[in-house]
PDB file of N, CA and C in Angstrom:
ATOM      1  N   MET A   1     118.077 143.865  81.542  1.00  0.00           N
ATOM      2  CA  MET A   1     118.949 142.710  81.561  1.00  0.00           C
ATOM      3  C   MET A   1     119.043 142.118  82.963  1.00  0.00           C
ATOM      4  N   LEU A   2     119.108 142.945  83.998  1.00  0.00           N
ATOM      5  CA  LEU A   2     119.191 142.473  85.373  1.00  0.00           C
ATOM      6  C   LEU A   2     117.924 141.729  85.774  1.00  0.00           C
ATOM      7  N   ALA A   3     116.771 142.244  85.353  1.00  0.00           N
ATOM      8  CA  ALA A   3     115.508 141.589  85.678  1.00  0.00           C
ATOM      9  C   ALA A   3     115.451 140.190  85.064  1.00  0.00           C
ATOM     10  N   PHE A   4     115.954 140.026  83.874  1.00  0.00           N
ATOM     11  CA  PHE A   4     115.968 138.713  83.230  1.00  0.00           C
ATOM     12  C   PHE A   4     116.869 137.754  84.000  1.00  0.00           C
ATOM     13  N   THR A   5     118.021 138.226  84.449  1.00  0.00           N
ATOM     14  CA  THR A   5     118.957 137.382  85.192  1.00  0.00           C
ATOM     15  C   THR A   5     118.350 136.919  86.499  1.00  0.00           C
ATOM     16  N   VAL A   6     117.707 137.805  87.244  1.00  0.00           N
ATOM     17  CA  VAL A   6     117.071 137.437  88.512  1.00  0.00           C
ATOM     18  C   VAL A   6     115.922 136.479  88.252  1.00  0.00           C
ATOM     19  N   GLY A   7     115.169 136.731  87.181  1.00  0.00           N
ATOM     20  CA  GLY A   7     114.046 135.859  86.852  1.00  0.00           C
ATOM     21  C   GLY A   7     114.473 134.444  86.513  1.00  0.00           C
ATOM     22  N   VAL A   8     115.619 134.264  85.905  1.00  0.00           N
ATOM     23  CA  VAL A   8     116.136 132.946  85.558  1.00  0.00           C
ATOM     24  C   VAL A   8     116.832 132.308  86.763  1.00  0.00           C
ATOM     25  N   ALA A   9     117.500 133.110  87.551  1.00  0.00           N
ATOM     26  CA  ALA A   9     118.274 132.584  88.679  1.00  0.00           C
ATOM     27  C   ALA A   9     117.376 132.025  89.775  1.00  0.00           C
ATOM     28  N   THR A  10     116.227 132.606  90.009  1.00  0.00           N
ATOM     29  CA  THR A  10     115.352 132.153  91.095  1.00  0.00           C
ATOM     30  C   THR A  10     114.882 130.715  90.887  1.00  0.00           C
ATOM     31  N   PRO A  11     114.336 130.355  89.723  1.00  0.00           N
ATOM     32  CA  PRO A  11     113.947 128.950  89.531  1.00  0.00           C
ATOM     33  C   PRO A  11     115.137 127.989  89.604  1.00  0.00           C
ATOM     34  N   LEU A  12     116.284 128.420  89.097  1.00  0.00           N
ATOM     35  CA  LEU A  12     117.469 127.563  89.174  1.00  0.00           C
ATOM     36  C   LEU A  12     117.906 127.351  90.620  1.00  0.00           C
ATOM     37  N   LEU A  13     117.827 128.396  91.415  1.00  0.00           N
ATOM     38  CA  LEU A  13     118.174 128.283  92.830  1.00  0.00           C
ATOM     39  C   LEU A  13     117.222 127.330  93.538  1.00  0.00           C
ATOM     40  N   VAL A  14     115.942 127.454  93.255  1.00  0.00           N
ATOM     41  CA  VAL A  14     114.946 126.560  93.858  1.00  0.00           C
ATOM     42  C   VAL A  14     115.221 125.115  93.449  1.00  0.00           C
ATOM     43  N   LEU A  15     115.525 124.891  92.184  1.00  0.00           N
ATOM     44  CA  LEU A  15     115.823 123.537  91.719  1.00  0.00           C
ATOM     45  C   LEU A  15     117.068 122.961  92.389  1.00  0.00           C
ATOM     46  N   CYS A  16     118.041 123.801  92.652  1.00  0.00           N
ATOM     47  CA  CYS A  16     119.270 123.343  93.319  1.00  0.00           C
ATOM     48  C   CYS A  16     119.036 123.076  94.805  1.00  0.00           C
ATOM     49  N   LEU A  17     118.202 123.879  95.431  1.00  0.00           N
ATOM     50  CA  LEU A  17     117.967 123.720  96.868  1.00  0.00           C
ATOM     51  C   LEU A  17     116.950 122.633  97.192  1.00  0.00           C
ATOM     52  N   LEU A  18     116.089 122.284  96.256  1.00  0.00           N
ATOM     53  CA  LEU A  18     115.043 121.304  96.512  1.00  0.00           C
ATOM     54  C   LEU A  18     115.587 119.958  96.998  1.00  0.00           C
ATOM     55  N   PRO A  19     116.634 119.399  96.390  1.00  0.00           N
ATOM     56  CA  PRO A  19     117.175 118.138  96.923  1.00  0.00           C
ATOM     57  C   PRO A  19     117.708 118.278  98.353  1.00  0.00           C
ATOM     58  N   LEU A  20     118.331 119.391  98.665  1.00  0.00           N
ATOM     59  CA  LEU A  20     118.853 119.588 100.026  1.00  0.00           C
ATOM     60  C   LEU A  20     117.721 119.711 101.038  1.00  0.00           C
ATOM     61  N   ILE A  21     116.675 120.420 100.676  1.00  0.00           N
ATOM     62  CA  ILE A  21     115.523 120.543 101.569  1.00  0.00           C
ATOM     63  C   ILE A  21     114.866 119.179 101.754  1.00  0.00           C
ATOM     64  N   SER A  22     114.722 118.428 100.678  1.00  0.00           N
ATOM     65  CA  SER A  22     114.135 117.089 100.766  1.00  0.00           C
ATOM     66  C   SER A  22     114.967 116.185 101.666  1.00  0.00           C
ATOM     67  N   LEU A  23     116.270 116.245 101.545  1.00  0.00           N
ATOM     68  CA  LEU A  23     117.155 115.452 102.393  1.00  0.00           C
ATOM     69  C   LEU A  23     116.978 115.833 103.859  1.00  0.00           C
ATOM     70  N   GLY A  24     116.898 117.126 104.138  1.00  0.00           N
ATOM     71  CA  GLY A  24     116.694 117.582 105.511  1.00  0.00           C
ATOM     72  C   GLY A  24     115.381 117.087 106.093  1.00  0.00           C
ATOM     73  N   VAL A  25     114.327 117.139 105.316  1.00  0.00           N
ATOM     74  CA  VAL A  25     113.019 116.646 105.778  1.00  0.00           C
ATOM     75  C   VAL A  25     113.095 115.154 106.035  1.00  0.00           C
ATOM     76  N   TRP A  26     113.743 114.402 105.140  1.00  0.00           N
ATOM     77  CA  TRP A  26     113.867 112.956 105.307  1.00  0.00           C
ATOM     78  C   TRP A  26     114.627 112.615 106.587  1.00  0.00           C
ATOM     79  N   ILE A  27     115.704 113.336 106.880  1.00  0.00           N
ATOM     80  CA  ILE A  27     116.503 113.082 108.086  1.00  0.00           C
ATOM     81  C   ILE A  27     115.671 113.353 109.339  1.00  0.00           C
ATOM     82  N   VAL A  28     114.917 114.428 109.346  1.00  0.00           N
ATOM     83  CA  VAL A  28     114.086 114.759 110.509  1.00  0.00           C
ATOM     84  C   VAL A  28     113.013 113.692 110.707  1.00  0.00           C
ATOM     85  N   VAL A  29     112.348 113.287 109.640  1.00  0.00           N
ATOM     86  CA  VAL A  29     111.307 112.260 109.756  1.00  0.00           C
ATOM     87  C   VAL A  29     111.909 110.956 110.253  1.00  0.00           C
ATOM     88  N   LYS A  30     113.050 110.577 109.729  1.00  0.00           N
ATOM     89  CA  LYS A  30     113.718 109.347 110.153  1.00  0.00           C
ATOM     90  C   LYS A  30     114.081 109.423 111.636  1.00  0.00           C
ATOM     91  N   ALA A  31     114.596 110.560 112.082  1.00  0.00           N
ATOM     92  CA  ALA A  31     114.975 110.723 113.492  1.00  0.00           C
ATOM     93  C   ALA A  31     113.745 110.655 114.391  1.00  0.00           C
ATOM     94  N   LEU A  32     112.652 111.258 113.983  1.00  0.00           N
ATOM     95  CA  LEU A  32     111.438 111.225 114.800  1.00  0.00           C
ATOM     96  C   LEU A  32     110.866 109.818 114.890  1.00  0.00           C
ATOM     97  N   ARG A  33     110.981 109.055 113.825  1.00  0.00           N
ATOM     98  CA  ARG A  33     110.479 107.685 113.849  1.00  0.00           C
ATOM     99  C   ARG A  33     111.309 106.812 114.776  1.00  0.00           C
ATOM    100  N   LEU A  34     112.604 107.094 114.907  1.00  0.00           N
ATOM    101  CA  LEU A  34     113.465 106.309 115.787  1.00  0.00           C
ATOM    102  C   LEU A  34     113.402 106.788 117.234  1.00  0.00           C
ATOM    103  N   TRP A  35     112.800 107.944 117.449  1.00  0.00           N
ATOM    104  CA  TRP A  35     112.805 108.575 118.769  1.00  0.00           C
ATOM    105  C   TRP A  35     112.198 107.687 119.847  1.00  0.00           C
ATOM    106  N   ASP A  36     111.084 107.022 119.544  1.00  0.00           N
ATOM    107  CA  ASP A  36     110.383 106.264 120.577  1.00  0.00           C
ATOM    108  C   ASP A  36     110.630 104.757 120.495  1.00  0.00           C
ATOM    109  N   TRP A  37     111.663 104.332 119.783  1.00  0.00           N
ATOM    110  CA  TRP A  37     111.979 102.920 119.722  1.00  0.00           C
ATOM    111  C   TRP A  37     112.397 102.422 121.099  1.00  0.00           C
ATOM    112  N   ILE A  38     112.165 101.159 121.370  1.00  0.00           N
ATOM    113  CA  ILE A  38     112.396 100.590 122.695  1.00  0.00           C
ATOM    114  C   ILE A  38     113.725  99.830 122.694  1.00  0.00           C
ATOM    115  N   PRO A  39     114.676 100.244 123.552  1.00  0.00           N
ATOM    116  CA  PRO A  39     115.956  99.536 123.620  1.00  0.00           C
ATOM    117  C   PRO A  39     115.863  98.308 124.540  1.00  0.00           C
ATOM    118  N   VAL A  40     116.441  97.201 124.111  1.00  0.00           N
ATOM    119  CA  VAL A  40     116.507  95.979 124.924  1.00  0.00           C
ATOM    120  C   VAL A  40     117.888  95.349 124.735  1.00  0.00           C
ATOM    121  N   ARG A  41     118.223  94.445 125.651  1.00  0.00           N
ATOM    122  CA  ARG A  41     119.473  93.710 125.520  1.00  0.00           C
ATOM    123  C   ARG A  41     119.262  92.533 124.587  1.00  0.00           C
ATOM    124  N   GLY A  42     120.109  92.457 123.592  1.00  0.00           N
ATOM    125  CA  GLY A  42     120.048  91.348 122.650  1.00  0.00           C
ATOM    126  C   GLY A  42     121.340  90.564 122.696  1.00  0.00           C
ATOM    127  N   GLU A  43     121.382  89.492 121.940  1.00  0.00           N
ATOM    128  CA  GLU A  43     122.569  88.641 121.916  1.00  0.00           C
ATOM    129  C   GLU A  43     122.857  88.232 120.476  1.00  0.00           C
ATOM    130  N   VAL A  44     124.143  88.166 120.142  1.00  0.00           N
ATOM    131  CA  VAL A  44     124.553  87.669 118.836  1.00  0.00           C
ATOM    132  C   VAL A  44     124.465  86.148 118.892  1.00  0.00           C
ATOM    133  N   ILE A  45     123.616  85.573 118.023  1.00  0.00           N
ATOM    134  CA  ILE A  45     123.423  84.124 118.055  1.00  0.00           C
ATOM    135  C   ILE A  45     124.080  83.404 116.883  1.00  0.00           C
ATOM    136  N   GLU A  46     124.512  84.181 115.884  1.00  0.00           N
ATOM    137  CA  GLU A  46     125.098  83.555 114.692  1.00  0.00           C
ATOM    138  C   GLU A  46     125.839  84.613 113.880  1.00  0.00           C
ATOM    139  N   LEU A  47     126.822  84.174 113.126  1.00  0.00           N
ATOM    140  CA  LEU A  47     127.494  85.028 112.140  1.00  0.00           C
ATOM    141  C   LEU A  47     127.269  84.389 110.779  1.00  0.00           C
ATOM    142  N   ARG A  48     126.697  85.161 109.850  1.00  0.00           N
ATOM    143  CA  ARG A  48     126.396  84.638 108.514  1.00  0.00           C
ATOM    144  C   ARG A  48     127.321  85.269 107.483  1.00  0.00           C
ATOM    145  N   MET A  49     127.748  84.445 106.547  1.00  0.00           N
ATOM    146  CA  MET A  49     128.598  84.926 105.466  1.00  0.00           C
ATOM    147  C   MET A  49     127.752  85.750 104.496  1.00  0.00           C
ATOM    148  N   ILE A  50     128.283  86.923 104.132  1.00  0.00           N
ATOM    149  CA  ILE A  50     127.608  87.792 103.177  1.00  0.00           C
ATOM    150  C   ILE A  50     128.520  87.980 101.979  1.00  0.00           C
ATOM    151  N   GLY A  51     127.988  87.758 100.797  1.00  0.00           N
ATOM    152  CA  GLY A  51     128.769  87.953  99.582  1.00  0.00           C
ATOM    153  C   GLY A  51     129.833  86.884  99.414  1.00  0.00           C
ATOM    154  N   THR A  52     130.756  87.178  98.545  1.00  0.00           N
ATOM    155  CA  THR A  52     131.808  86.205  98.225  1.00  0.00           C
ATOM    156  C   THR A  52     133.161  86.593  98.806  1.00  0.00           C
ATOM    157  N   GLU A  53     133.202  87.709  99.551  1.00  0.00           N
ATOM    158  CA  GLU A  53     134.477  88.201 100.070  1.00  0.00           C
ATOM    159  C   GLU A  53     134.759  87.768 101.507  1.00  0.00           C
ATOM    160  N   GLY A  54     133.904  86.923 102.078  1.00  0.00           N
ATOM    161  CA  GLY A  54     134.138  86.424 103.420  1.00  0.00           C
ATOM    162  C   GLY A  54     133.691  87.342 104.538  1.00  0.00           C
ATOM    163  N   SER A  55     132.868  88.331 104.240  1.00  0.00           N
ATOM    164  CA  SER A  55     132.362  89.216 105.286  1.00  0.00           C
ATOM    165  C   SER A  55     131.327  88.475 106.127  1.00  0.00           C
ATOM    166  N   LEU A  56     131.383  88.677 107.433  1.00  0.00           N
ATOM    167  CA  LEU A  56     130.451  88.025 108.340  1.00  0.00           C
ATOM    168  C   LEU A  56     129.532  89.063 108.978  1.00  0.00           C
ATOM    169  N   ALA A  57     128.228  88.813 108.905  1.00  0.00           N
ATOM    170  CA  ALA A  57     127.223  89.708 109.481  1.00  0.00           C
ATOM    171  C   ALA A  57     126.546  88.998 110.650  1.00  0.00           C
ATOM    172  N   PRO A  58     126.308  89.723 111.751  1.00  0.00           N
ATOM    173  CA  PRO A  58     125.693  89.086 112.911  1.00  0.00           C
ATOM    174  C   PRO A  58     124.188  88.901 112.761  1.00  0.00           C
ATOM    175  N   VAL A  59     123.683  87.890 113.446  1.00  0.00           N
ATOM    176  CA  VAL A  59     122.248  87.683 113.614  1.00  0.00           C
ATOM    177  C   VAL A  59     121.990  87.879 115.104  1.00  0.00           C
ATOM    178  N   PHE A  60     121.066  88.778 115.428  1.00  0.00           N
ATOM    179  CA  PHE A  60     120.770  89.116 116.823  1.00  0.00           C
ATOM    180  C   PHE A  60     119.445  88.493 117.238  1.00  0.00           C
ATOM    181  N   SER A  61     119.334  88.124 118.513  1.00  0.00           N
ATOM    182  CA  SER A  61     118.045  87.739 119.081  1.00  0.00           C
ATOM    183  C   SER A  61     117.772  88.677 120.248  1.00  0.00           C
ATOM    184  N   TYR A  62     116.489  88.957 120.462  1.00  0.00           N
ATOM    185  CA  TYR A  62     116.103  89.855 121.553  1.00  0.00           C
ATOM    186  C   TYR A  62     114.676  89.533 121.987  1.00  0.00           C
ATOM    187  N   PRO A  63     114.353  89.797 123.255  1.00  0.00           N
ATOM    188  CA  PRO A  63     112.996  89.536 123.739  1.00  0.00           C
ATOM    189  C   PRO A  63     112.060  90.682 123.387  1.00  0.00           C
ATOM    190  N   GLY A  64     110.880  90.340 122.900  1.00  0.00           N
ATOM    191  CA  GLY A  64     109.863  91.348 122.609  1.00  0.00           C
ATOM    192  C   GLY A  64     109.009  91.609 123.832  1.00  0.00           C
ATOM    193  N   PRO A  65     108.075  92.542 123.738  1.00  0.00           N
ATOM    194  CA  PRO A  65     107.246  92.907 124.890  1.00  0.00           C
ATOM    195  C   PRO A  65     106.314  91.779 125.329  1.00  0.00           C
ATOM    196  N   ASN A  66     106.028  90.847 124.441  1.00  0.00           N
ATOM    197  CA  ASN A  66     105.131  89.742 124.766  1.00  0.00           C
ATOM    198  C   ASN A  66     105.882  88.504 125.257  1.00  0.00           C
ATOM    199  N   GLY A  67     107.201  88.628 125.441  1.00  0.00           N
ATOM    200  CA  GLY A  67     108.016  87.515 125.897  1.00  0.00           C
ATOM    201  C   GLY A  67     108.557  86.651 124.764  1.00  0.00           C
ATOM    202  N   ARG A  68     108.070  86.863 123.561  1.00  0.00           N
ATOM    203  CA  ARG A  68     108.539  86.106 122.404  1.00  0.00           C
ATOM    204  C   ARG A  68     109.953  86.556 122.046  1.00  0.00           C
ATOM    205  N   ILE A  69     110.777  85.615 121.581  1.00  0.00           N
ATOM    206  CA  ILE A  69     112.137  85.928 121.157  1.00  0.00           C
ATOM    207  C   ILE A  69     112.119  86.202 119.652  1.00  0.00           C
ATOM    208  N   TYR A  70     112.646  87.352 119.264  1.00  0.00           N
ATOM    209  CA  TYR A  70     112.715  87.757 117.861  1.00  0.00           C
ATOM    210  C   TYR A  70     114.165  87.720 117.404  1.00  0.00           C
ATOM    211  N   THR A  71     114.365  87.582 116.099  1.00  0.00           N
ATOM    212  CA  THR A  71     115.709  87.646 115.539  1.00  0.00           C
ATOM    213  C   THR A  71     115.727  88.683 114.417  1.00  0.00           C
ATOM    214  N   ILE A  72     116.897  89.265 114.232  1.00  0.00           N
ATOM    215  CA  ILE A  72     117.093  90.228 113.152  1.00  0.00           C
ATOM    216  C   ILE A  72     118.471  90.002 112.555  1.00  0.00           C
ATOM    217  N   ASP A  73     118.532  89.993 111.243  1.00  0.00           N
ATOM    218  CA  ASP A  73     119.808  89.816 110.530  1.00  0.00           C
ATOM    219  C   ASP A  73     120.374  91.176 110.176  1.00  0.00           C
ATOM    220  N   ASP A  74     121.634  91.389 110.515  1.00  0.00           N
ATOM    221  CA  ASP A  74     122.307  92.598 110.070  1.00  0.00           C
ATOM    222  C   ASP A  74     122.650  92.427 108.595  1.00  0.00           C
ATOM    223  N   THR A  75     122.571  93.493 107.835  1.00  0.00           N
ATOM    224  CA  THR A  75     122.861  93.396 106.402  1.00  0.00           C
ATOM    225  C   THR A  75     124.270  93.874 106.063  1.00  0.00           C
ATOM    226  N   VAL A  76     125.016  94.301 107.082  1.00  0.00           N
ATOM    227  CA  VAL A  76     126.379  94.787 106.862  1.00  0.00           C
ATOM    228  C   VAL A  76     127.348  93.810 107.523  1.00  0.00           C
ATOM    229  N   GLY A  77     128.230  93.255 106.714  1.00  0.00           N
ATOM    230  CA  GLY A  77     129.203  92.328 107.245  1.00  0.00           C
ATOM    231  C   GLY A  77     130.596  92.940 107.282  1.00  0.00           C
ATOM    232  N   ARG A  78     131.461  92.323 108.075  1.00  0.00           N
ATOM    233  CA  ARG A  78     132.854  92.779 108.180  1.00  0.00           C
ATOM    234  C   ARG A  78     133.768  91.572 108.217  1.00  0.00           C
ATOM    235  N   ASN A  79     135.001  91.798 107.835  1.00  0.00           N
ATOM    236  CA  ASN A  79     136.010  90.765 107.952  1.00  0.00           C
ATOM    237  C   ASN A  79     137.287  91.426 108.447  1.00  0.00           C
ATOM    238  N   PRO A  80     137.671  91.251 109.687  1.00  0.00           N
ATOM    239  CA  PRO A  80     137.082  90.375 110.695  1.00  0.00           C
ATOM    240  C   PRO A  80     135.758  90.939 111.216  1.00  0.00           C
ATOM    241  N   PRO A  81     134.906  90.071 111.761  1.00  0.00           N
ATOM    242  CA  PRO A  81     133.593  90.517 112.231  1.00  0.00           C
ATOM    243  C   PRO A  81     133.697  91.440 113.441  1.00  0.00           C
ATOM    244  N   LYS A  82     132.733  92.345 113.553  1.00  0.00           N
ATOM    245  CA  LYS A  82     132.694  93.288 114.669  1.00  0.00           C
ATOM    246  C   LYS A  82     132.255  92.596 115.959  1.00  0.00           C
ATOM    247  N   TYR A  83     131.388  91.594 115.833  1.00  0.00           N
ATOM    248  CA  TYR A  83     130.843  90.895 116.996  1.00  0.00           C
ATOM    249  C   TYR A  83     131.223  89.425 116.951  1.00  0.00           C
ATOM    250  N   ALA A  84     131.128  88.782 118.112  1.00  0.00           N
ATOM    251  CA  ALA A  84     131.316  87.335 118.211  1.00  0.00           C
ATOM    252  C   ALA A  84     130.013  86.728 118.731  1.00  0.00           C
ATOM    253  N   VAL A  85     129.797  85.461 118.430  1.00  0.00           N
ATOM    254  CA  VAL A  85     128.617  84.775 118.938  1.00  0.00           C
ATOM    255  C   VAL A  85     128.661  84.820 120.464  1.00  0.00           C
ATOM    256  N   GLY A  86     127.534  85.201 121.056  1.00  0.00           N
ATOM    257  CA  GLY A  86     127.444  85.319 122.510  1.00  0.00           C
ATOM    258  C   GLY A  86     127.574  86.743 123.017  1.00  0.00           C
ATOM    259  N   ASP A  87     128.047  87.666 122.178  1.00  0.00           N
ATOM    260  CA  ASP A  87     128.165  89.070 122.591  1.00  0.00           C
ATOM    261  C   ASP A  87     126.778  89.630 122.924  1.00  0.00           C
ATOM    262  N   VAL A  88     126.721  90.421 123.982  1.00  0.00           N
ATOM    263  CA  VAL A  88     125.478  91.103 124.360  1.00  0.00           C
ATOM    264  C   VAL A  88     125.521  92.499 123.751  1.00  0.00           C
ATOM    265  N   VAL A  89     124.431  92.882 123.079  1.00  0.00           N
ATOM    266  CA  VAL A  89     124.355  94.165 122.394  1.00  0.00           C
ATOM    267  C   VAL A  89     123.012  94.819 122.703  1.00  0.00           C
ATOM    268  N   GLU A  90     122.941  96.138 122.468  1.00  0.00           N
ATOM    269  CA  GLU A  90     121.659  96.831 122.597  1.00  0.00           C
ATOM    270  C   GLU A  90     120.956  96.808 121.251  1.00  0.00           C
ATOM    271  N   VAL A  91     119.719  96.353 121.257  1.00  0.00           N
ATOM    272  CA  VAL A  91     118.883  96.305 120.067  1.00  0.00           C
ATOM    273  C   VAL A  91     117.667  97.177 120.334  1.00  0.00           C
ATOM    274  N   SER A  92     117.209  97.918 119.348  1.00  0.00           N
ATOM    275  CA  SER A  92     116.009  98.741 119.505  1.00  0.00           C
ATOM    276  C   SER A  92     114.957  98.297 118.502  1.00  0.00           C
ATOM    277  N   TYR A  93     113.703  98.267 118.957  1.00  0.00           N
ATOM    278  CA  TYR A  93     112.606  97.931 118.051  1.00  0.00           C
ATOM    279  C   TYR A  93     111.507  98.966 118.195  1.00  0.00           C
ATOM    280  N   PRO A  94     110.686  99.111 117.140  1.00  0.00           N
ATOM    281  CA  PRO A  94     109.633 100.130 117.187  1.00  0.00           C
ATOM    282  C   PRO A  94     108.519  99.699 118.133  1.00  0.00           C
ATOM    283  N   PRO A  95     107.848 100.667 118.760  1.00  0.00           N
ATOM    284  CA  PRO A  95     106.724 100.311 119.622  1.00  0.00           C
ATOM    285  C   PRO A  95     105.596  99.715 118.801  1.00  0.00           C
ATOM    286  N   LEU A  96     104.799  98.886 119.437  1.00  0.00           N
ATOM    287  CA  LEU A  96     103.673  98.274 118.741  1.00  0.00           C
ATOM    288  C   LEU A  96     102.606  99.314 118.462  1.00  0.00           C
ATOM    289  N   VAL A  97     102.028  99.237 117.307  1.00  0.00           N
ATOM    290  CA  VAL A  97     100.957 100.157 116.930  1.00  0.00           C
ATOM    291  C   VAL A  97      99.639  99.491 117.291  1.00  0.00           C
ATOM    292  N   SER A  98      98.813 100.198 118.061  1.00  0.00           N
ATOM    293  CA  SER A  98      97.536  99.595 118.465  1.00  0.00           C
ATOM    294  C   SER A  98      96.433  99.961 117.525  1.00  0.00           C
TER     295      SER A  98
END
């Protein structure tokens, strides 16, 4: 009877731990991908309304390595907004792949 219980419990334990192990691997991979991102000074150039509840999300501009100005829209808005137009913020972008 004990052998049957251990035999059934092992696959169940593996099935329960598999999502946690997968989550841990995903977090490590995500952290490693962000490790070499390049920080630059950016600026809030606009606040855009998101949804119907009046949340405002910032739009940032920042200089790229080639001197070109890039923009990125935040997808999370707040009411009241966290940033104001003209605020200077740190923005990070991934290194260019050659």
